PDB file of N, CA and C in Angstrom:
ATOM      1  N   MET A   1    -127.968 -38.368 -20.388  1.00  0.00           N
ATOM      2  CA  MET A   1    -128.337 -38.320 -21.794  1.00  0.00           C
ATOM      3  C   MET A   1    -127.163 -38.879 -22.595  1.00  0.00           C
ATOM      4  N   ALA A   2    -127.446 -39.788 -23.475  1.00  0.00           N
ATOM      5  CA  ALA A   2    -126.397 -40.351 -24.325  1.00  0.00           C
ATOM      6  C   ALA A   2    -126.989 -40.624 -25.696  1.00  0.00           C
ATOM      7  N   THR A   3    -126.176 -40.477 -26.702  1.00  0.00           N
ATOM      8  CA  THR A   3    -126.601 -40.787 -28.055  1.00  0.00           C
ATOM      9  C   THR A   3    -125.424 -41.381 -28.795  1.00  0.00           C
ATOM     10  N   SER A   4    -125.685 -42.186 -29.780  1.00  0.00           N
ATOM     11  CA  SER A   4    -124.570 -42.763 -30.530  1.00  0.00           C
ATOM     12  C   SER A   4    -124.701 -42.375 -31.992  1.00  0.00           C
ATOM     13  N   SER A   5    -123.576 -42.184 -32.613  1.00  0.00           N
ATOM     14  CA  SER A   5    -123.540 -41.796 -34.007  1.00  0.00           C
ATOM     15  C   SER A   5    -122.337 -42.463 -34.648  1.00  0.00           C
ATOM     16  N   ILE A   6    -122.575 -43.281 -35.644  1.00  0.00           N
ATOM     17  CA  ILE A   6    -121.519 -43.982 -36.369  1.00  0.00           C
ATOM     18  C   ILE A   6    -120.565 -44.688 -35.393  1.00  0.00           C
ATOM     19  N   GLY A   7    -121.154 -45.394 -34.447  1.00  0.00           N
ATOM     20  CA  GLY A   7    -120.345 -46.197 -33.554  1.00  0.00           C
ATOM     21  C   GLY A   7    -119.676 -45.456 -32.419  1.00  0.00           C
ATOM     22  N   ARG A   8    -119.903 -44.172 -32.281  1.00  0.00           N
ATOM     23  CA  ARG A   8    -119.298 -43.408 -31.192  1.00  0.00           C
ATOM     24  C   ARG A   8    -120.405 -42.927 -30.254  1.00  0.00           C
ATOM     25  N   ALA A   9    -120.119 -42.955 -28.989  1.00  0.00           N
ATOM     26  CA  ALA A   9    -121.104 -42.522 -27.994  1.00  0.00           C
ATOM     27  C   ALA A   9    -120.737 -41.133 -27.475  1.00  0.00           C
ATOM     28  N   ILE A  10    -121.743 -40.305 -27.332  1.00  0.00           N
ATOM     29  CA  ILE A  10    -121.567 -38.982 -26.742  1.00  0.00           C
ATOM     30  C   ILE A  10    -122.338 -39.007 -25.432  1.00  0.00           C
ATOM     31  N   VAL A  11    -121.635 -38.823 -24.337  1.00  0.00           N
ATOM     32  CA  VAL A  11    -122.263 -38.888 -23.021  1.00  0.00           C
ATOM     33  C   VAL A  11    -122.211 -37.504 -22.395  1.00  0.00           C
ATOM     34  N   LEU A  12    -123.363 -37.006 -21.985  1.00  0.00           N
ATOM     35  CA  LEU A  12    -123.447 -35.703 -21.341  1.00  0.00           C
ATOM     36  C   LEU A  12    -123.969 -35.889 -19.927  1.00  0.00           C
ATOM     37  N   ASN A  13    -123.309 -35.269 -18.954  1.00  0.00           N
ATOM     38  CA  ASN A  13    -123.880 -35.289 -17.608  1.00  0.00           C
ATOM     39  C   ASN A  13    -124.988 -34.239 -17.550  1.00  0.00           C
ATOM     40  N   ASP A  14    -125.692 -34.170 -16.443  1.00  0.00           N
ATOM     41  CA  ASP A  14    -126.837 -33.265 -16.337  1.00  0.00           C
ATOM     42  C   ASP A  14    -126.445 -31.811 -16.551  1.00  0.00           C
ATOM     43  N   GLU A  15    -125.307 -31.389 -15.991  1.00  0.00           N
ATOM     44  CA  GLU A  15    -124.870 -29.999 -16.133  1.00  0.00           C
ATOM     45  C   GLU A  15    -124.577 -29.668 -17.594  1.00  0.00           C
ATOM     46  N   MET A  16    -123.872 -30.567 -18.288  1.00  0.00           N
ATOM     47  CA  MET A  16    -123.543 -30.335 -19.695  1.00  0.00           C
ATOM     48  C   MET A  16    -124.809 -30.317 -20.542  1.00  0.00           C
ATOM     49  N   ALA A  17    -125.757 -31.207 -20.255  1.00  0.00           N
ATOM     50  CA  ALA A  17    -127.011 -31.247 -21.002  1.00  0.00           C
ATOM     51  C   ALA A  17    -127.795 -29.953 -20.792  1.00  0.00           C
ATOM     52  N   ASP A  18    -127.835 -29.452 -19.556  1.00  0.00           N
ATOM     53  CA  ASP A  18    -128.536 -28.199 -19.277  1.00  0.00           C
ATOM     54  C   ASP A  18    -127.901 -27.031 -20.026  1.00  0.00           C
ATOM     55  N   ARG A  19    -126.567 -26.973 -20.042  1.00  0.00           N
ATOM     56  CA  ARG A  19    -125.882 -25.899 -20.772  1.00  0.00           C
ATOM     57  C   ARG A  19    -126.157 -25.985 -22.256  1.00  0.00           C
ATOM     58  N   LEU A  20    -126.142 -27.201 -22.793  1.00  0.00           N
ATOM     59  CA  LEU A  20    -126.424 -27.382 -24.220  1.00  0.00           C
ATOM     60  C   LEU A  20    -127.839 -26.930 -24.555  1.00  0.00           C
ATOM     61  N   ILE A  21    -128.796 -27.301 -23.746  1.00  0.00           N
ATOM     62  CA  ILE A  21    -130.188 -26.901 -23.967  1.00  0.00           C
ATOM     63  C   ILE A  21    -130.316 -25.382 -23.894  1.00  0.00           C
ATOM     64  N   GLU A  22    -129.671 -24.748 -22.905  1.00  0.00           N
ATOM     65  CA  GLU A  22    -129.722 -23.281 -22.784  1.00  0.00           C
ATOM     66  C   GLU A  22    -129.142 -22.613 -24.022  1.00  0.00           C
ATOM     67  N   GLN A  23    -128.016 -23.125 -24.502  1.00  0.00           N
ATOM     68  CA  GLN A  23    -127.389 -22.532 -25.685  1.00  0.00           C
ATOM     69  C   GLN A  23    -128.258 -22.718 -26.921  1.00  0.00           C
ATOM     70  N   MET A  24    -128.882 -23.876 -27.063  1.00  0.00           N
ATOM     71  CA  MET A  24    -129.757 -24.114 -28.211  1.00  0.00           C
ATOM     72  C   MET A  24    -130.965 -23.179 -28.171  1.00  0.00           C
ATOM     73  N   GLU A  25    -131.524 -22.987 -26.976  1.00  0.00           N
ATOM     74  CA  GLU A  25    -132.656 -22.067 -26.839  1.00  0.00           C
ATOM     75  C   GLU A  25    -132.237 -20.633 -27.150  1.00  0.00           C
ATOM     76  N   GLU A  26    -131.040 -20.241 -26.722  1.00  0.00           N
ATOM     77  CA  GLU A  26    -130.536 -18.883 -26.991  1.00  0.00           C
ATOM     78  C   GLU A  26    -130.377 -18.657 -28.489  1.00  0.00           C
ATOM     79  N   VAL A  27    -129.808 -19.633 -29.190  1.00  0.00           N
ATOM     80  CA  VAL A  27    -129.610 -19.490 -30.633  1.00  0.00           C
ATOM     81  C   VAL A  27    -130.955 -19.471 -31.350  1.00  0.00           C
ATOM     82  N   GLU A  28    -131.905 -20.269 -30.858  1.00  0.00           N
ATOM     83  CA  GLU A  28    -133.228 -20.285 -31.480  1.00  0.00           C
ATOM     84  C   GLU A  28    -133.944 -18.959 -31.271  1.00  0.00           C
ATOM     85  N   ALA A  29    -133.785 -18.357 -30.075  1.00  0.00           N
ATOM     86  CA  ALA A  29    -134.434 -17.081 -29.771  1.00  0.00           C
ATOM     87  C   ALA A  29    -133.762 -15.923 -30.497  1.00  0.00           C
ATOM     88  N   ASN A  30    -132.437 -15.970 -30.633  1.00  0.00           N
ATOM     89  CA  ASN A  30    -131.675 -14.898 -31.274  1.00  0.00           C
ATOM     90  C   ASN A  30    -130.753 -15.506 -32.329  1.00  0.00           C
ATOM     91  N   PRO A  31    -131.306 -15.848 -33.486  1.00  0.00           N
ATOM     92  CA  PRO A  31    -130.465 -16.485 -34.506  1.00  0.00           C
ATOM     93  C   PRO A  31    -129.402 -15.523 -35.035  1.00  0.00           C
ATOM     94  N   PRO A  32    -128.254 -16.071 -35.427  1.00  0.00           N
ATOM     95  CA  PRO A  32    -127.208 -15.214 -35.976  1.00  0.00           C
ATOM     96  C   PRO A  32    -127.655 -14.629 -37.314  1.00  0.00           C
ATOM     97  N   THR A  33    -127.128 -13.477 -37.641  1.00  0.00           N
ATOM     98  CA  THR A  33    -127.494 -12.852 -38.908  1.00  0.00           C
ATOM     99  C   THR A  33    -126.883 -13.646 -40.063  1.00  0.00           C
ATOM    100  N   PRO A  34    -127.675 -13.882 -41.101  1.00  0.00           N
ATOM    101  CA  PRO A  34    -127.130 -14.612 -42.242  1.00  0.00           C
ATOM    102  C   PRO A  34    -126.109 -13.769 -42.988  1.00  0.00           C
ATOM    103  N   HIS A  35    -125.133 -14.422 -43.565  1.00  0.00           N
ATOM    104  CA  HIS A  35    -124.135 -13.696 -44.335  1.00  0.00           C
ATOM    105  C   HIS A  35    -123.723 -14.549 -45.531  1.00  0.00           C
ATOM    106  N   THR A  36    -123.245 -13.878 -46.530  1.00  0.00           N
ATOM    107  CA  THR A  36    -122.754 -14.576 -47.706  1.00  0.00           C
ATOM    108  C   THR A  36    -121.296 -14.216 -47.912  1.00  0.00           C
ATOM    109  N   VAL A  37    -120.592 -15.121 -48.496  1.00  0.00           N
ATOM    110  CA  VAL A  37    -119.182 -14.894 -48.782  1.00  0.00           C
ATOM    111  C   VAL A  37    -119.050 -14.756 -50.290  1.00  0.00           C
ATOM    112  N   LYS A  38    -118.539 -13.644 -50.726  1.00  0.00           N
ATOM    113  CA  LYS A  38    -118.346 -13.417 -52.151  1.00  0.00           C
ATOM    114  C   LYS A  38    -116.867 -13.578 -52.476  1.00  0.00           C
ATOM    115  N   ILE A  39    -116.603 -14.322 -53.521  1.00  0.00           N
ATOM    116  CA  ILE A  39    -115.232 -14.520 -53.964  1.00  0.00           C
ATOM    117  C   ILE A  39    -115.086 -13.804 -55.294  1.00  0.00           C
ATOM    118  N   LYS A  40    -114.159 -12.898 -55.371  1.00  0.00           N
ATOM    119  CA  LYS A  40    -113.948 -12.160 -56.607  1.00  0.00           C
ATOM    120  C   LYS A  40    -112.971 -12.951 -57.475  1.00  0.00           C
ATOM    121  N   TRP A  41    -113.456 -13.416 -58.595  1.00  0.00           N
ATOM    122  CA  TRP A  41    -112.646 -14.240 -59.484  1.00  0.00           C
ATOM    123  C   TRP A  41    -111.893 -13.407 -60.501  1.00  0.00           C
ATOM    124  N   GLY A  42    -112.318 -12.204 -60.714  1.00  0.00           N
ATOM    125  CA  GLY A  42    -111.661 -11.364 -61.698  1.00  0.00           C
ATOM    126  C   GLY A  42    -112.688 -10.722 -62.611  1.00  0.00           C
ATOM    127  N   ASP A  43    -112.197 -10.055 -63.612  1.00  0.00           N
ATOM    128  CA  ASP A  43    -113.058  -9.364 -64.561  1.00  0.00           C
ATOM    129  C   ASP A  43    -113.770 -10.387 -65.442  1.00  0.00           C
ATOM    130  N   PRO A  44    -115.104 -10.385 -65.475  1.00  0.00           N
ATOM    131  CA  PRO A  44    -115.834 -11.360 -66.293  1.00  0.00           C
ATOM    132  C   PRO A  44    -115.498 -11.260 -67.783  1.00  0.00           C
ATOM    133  N   LYS A  45    -115.238 -10.043 -68.284  1.00  0.00           N
ATOM    134  CA  LYS A  45    -114.895  -9.894 -69.710  1.00  0.00           C
ATOM    135  C   LYS A  45    -113.570 -10.577 -70.026  1.00  0.00           C
ATOM    136  N   LYS A  46    -112.574 -10.339 -69.179  1.00  0.00           N
ATOM    137  CA  LYS A  46    -111.272 -10.968 -69.405  1.00  0.00           C
ATOM    138  C   LYS A  46    -111.373 -12.483 -69.285  1.00  0.00           C
ATOM    139  N   PHE A  47    -112.174 -12.953 -68.362  1.00  0.00           N
ATOM    140  CA  PHE A  47    -112.361 -14.390 -68.197  1.00  0.00           C
ATOM    141  C   PHE A  47    -113.010 -14.991 -69.440  1.00  0.00           C
ATOM    142  N   ALA A  48    -114.042 -14.335 -69.957  1.00  0.00           N
ATOM    143  CA  ALA A  48    -114.725 -14.816 -71.164  1.00  0.00           C
ATOM    144  C   ALA A  48    -113.771 -14.798 -72.356  1.00  0.00           C
ATOM    145  N   GLU A  49    -112.961 -13.761 -72.482  1.00  0.00           N
ATOM    146  CA  GLU A  49    -111.995 -13.692 -73.582  1.00  0.00           C
ATOM    147  C   GLU A  49    -110.967 -14.823 -73.486  1.00  0.00           C
ATOM    148  N   ALA A  50    -110.490 -15.101 -72.271  1.00  0.00           N
ATOM    149  CA  ALA A  50    -109.516 -16.171 -72.089  1.00  0.00           C
ATOM    150  C   ALA A  50    -110.125 -17.522 -72.445  1.00  0.00           C
ATOM    151  N   LEU A  51    -111.361 -17.753 -72.042  1.00  0.00           N
ATOM    152  CA  LEU A  51    -112.034 -19.006 -72.404  1.00  0.00           C
ATOM    153  C   LEU A  51    -112.219 -19.110 -73.907  1.00  0.00           C
ATOM    154  N   SER A  52    -112.611 -18.016 -74.506  1.00  0.00           N
ATOM    155  CA  SER A  52    -112.836 -18.017 -75.948  1.00  0.00           C
ATOM    156  C   SER A  52    -111.535 -18.293 -76.707  1.00  0.00           C
ATOM    157  N   ARG A  53    -110.438 -17.683 -76.273  1.00  0.00           N
ATOM    158  CA  ARG A  53    -109.142 -17.936 -76.925  1.00  0.00           C
ATOM    159  C   ARG A  53    -108.722 -19.394 -76.771  1.00  0.00           C
ATOM    160  N   LYS A  54    -108.923 -19.946 -75.577  1.00  0.00           N
ATOM    161  CA  LYS A  54    -108.456 -21.299 -75.310  1.00  0.00           C
ATOM    162  C   LYS A  54    -109.299 -22.341 -76.041  1.00  0.00           C
ATOM    163  N   TYR A  55    -110.615 -22.156 -76.065  1.00  0.00           N
ATOM    164  CA  TYR A  55    -111.490 -23.212 -76.581  1.00  0.00           C
ATOM    165  C   TYR A  55    -112.165 -22.870 -77.907  1.00  0.00           C
ATOM    166  N   ALA A  56    -111.814 -21.772 -78.540  1.00  0.00           N
ATOM    167  CA  ALA A  56    -112.491 -21.370 -79.779  1.00  0.00           C
ATOM    168  C   ALA A  56    -112.230 -22.357 -80.912  1.00  0.00           C
ATOM    169  N   HIS A  57    -111.061 -22.949 -80.978  1.00  0.00           N
ATOM    170  CA  HIS A  57    -110.719 -23.796 -82.124  1.00  0.00           C
ATOM    171  C   HIS A  57    -110.801 -25.282 -81.812  1.00  0.00           C
ATOM    172  N   GLU A  58    -111.214 -25.612 -80.594  1.00  0.00           N
ATOM    173  CA  GLU A  58    -111.325 -27.023 -80.237  1.00  0.00           C
ATOM    174  C   GLU A  58    -112.723 -27.526 -80.548  1.00  0.00           C
ATOM    175  N   GLU A  59    -112.806 -28.795 -80.873  1.00  0.00           N
ATOM    176  CA  GLU A  59    -114.116 -29.397 -81.148  1.00  0.00           C
ATOM    177  C   GLU A  59    -114.318 -30.596 -80.292  1.00  0.00           C
TER     178      GLU A  59
END
Protein backbone atom coordinates (compact mmCIF):
# COMPACT_ATOMS: atom_id res chain seq x y z
CA MET A 1 0.00 0.00 0.00
CA ALA A 2 1.42 3.38 -0.93
CA THR A 3 -0.01 6.85 -1.15
CA SER A 4 1.49 10.20 -2.00
CA SER A 5 0.75 13.55 -0.46
CA ILE A 6 2.36 16.83 -1.52
CA GLY A 7 5.17 15.05 -3.29
CA ARG A 8 6.02 12.63 -0.49
CA ALA A 9 5.35 8.91 -0.61
CA ILE A 10 4.23 6.88 2.38
CA VAL A 11 4.98 3.19 1.93
CA LEU A 12 3.51 0.60 4.27
CA ASN A 13 4.39 -3.07 4.22
CA ASP A 14 1.63 -5.61 4.84
CA GLU A 15 2.31 -5.85 8.59
CA MET A 16 2.23 -2.06 9.05
CA ALA A 17 -0.94 -1.77 6.96
CA ASP A 18 -2.64 -4.48 9.04
CA ARG A 19 -1.68 -2.73 12.29
CA LEU A 20 -2.94 0.60 10.96
CA ILE A 21 -6.26 -0.94 9.92
CA GLU A 22 -6.64 -2.63 13.35
CA GLN A 23 -5.96 0.64 15.15
CA MET A 24 -8.41 2.55 12.95
CA GLU A 25 -11.10 -0.07 13.61
CA GLU A 26 -10.39 0.09 17.37
CA VAL A 27 -10.75 3.88 17.43
CA GLU A 28 -13.93 3.67 15.35
CA ALA A 29 -15.41 1.05 17.70
CA ASN A 30 -14.32 2.87 20.89
CA PRO A 31 -13.95 6.57 20.13
CA PRO A 32 -12.11 8.71 22.67
CA THR A 33 -14.25 10.84 24.93
CA PRO A 34 -14.59 14.40 23.69
CA HIS A 35 -13.09 17.11 25.85
CA THR A 36 -12.86 20.85 25.82
CA VAL A 37 -10.07 23.05 26.99
CA LYS A 38 -11.10 26.13 28.91
CA ILE A 39 -8.72 29.03 29.24
CA LYS A 40 -9.39 31.39 32.09
CA TRP A 41 -8.64 34.90 30.89
CA GLY A 42 -9.58 36.67 34.07
CA ASP A 43 -12.53 38.46 35.57
CA PRO A 44 -14.91 39.58 32.78
CA LYS A 45 -15.87 42.74 34.73
CA LYS A 46 -12.26 43.84 35.13
CA PHE A 47 -11.60 43.08 31.48
CA ALA A 48 -14.60 45.16 30.38
CA GLU A 49 -13.53 48.03 32.64
CA ALA A 50 -9.99 47.95 31.22
CA LEU A 51 -11.33 48.03 27.66
CA SER A 52 -13.68 50.85 28.51
CA ARG A 53 -10.88 52.91 30.09
CA LYS A 54 -8.55 52.33 27.15
CA TYR A 55 -11.00 52.93 24.31
CA ALA A 56 -13.68 55.19 25.84
CA HIS A 57 -12.21 58.43 24.46
CA GLU A 58 -10.94 57.15 21.13
CA GLU A 59 -12.89 57.59 17.93
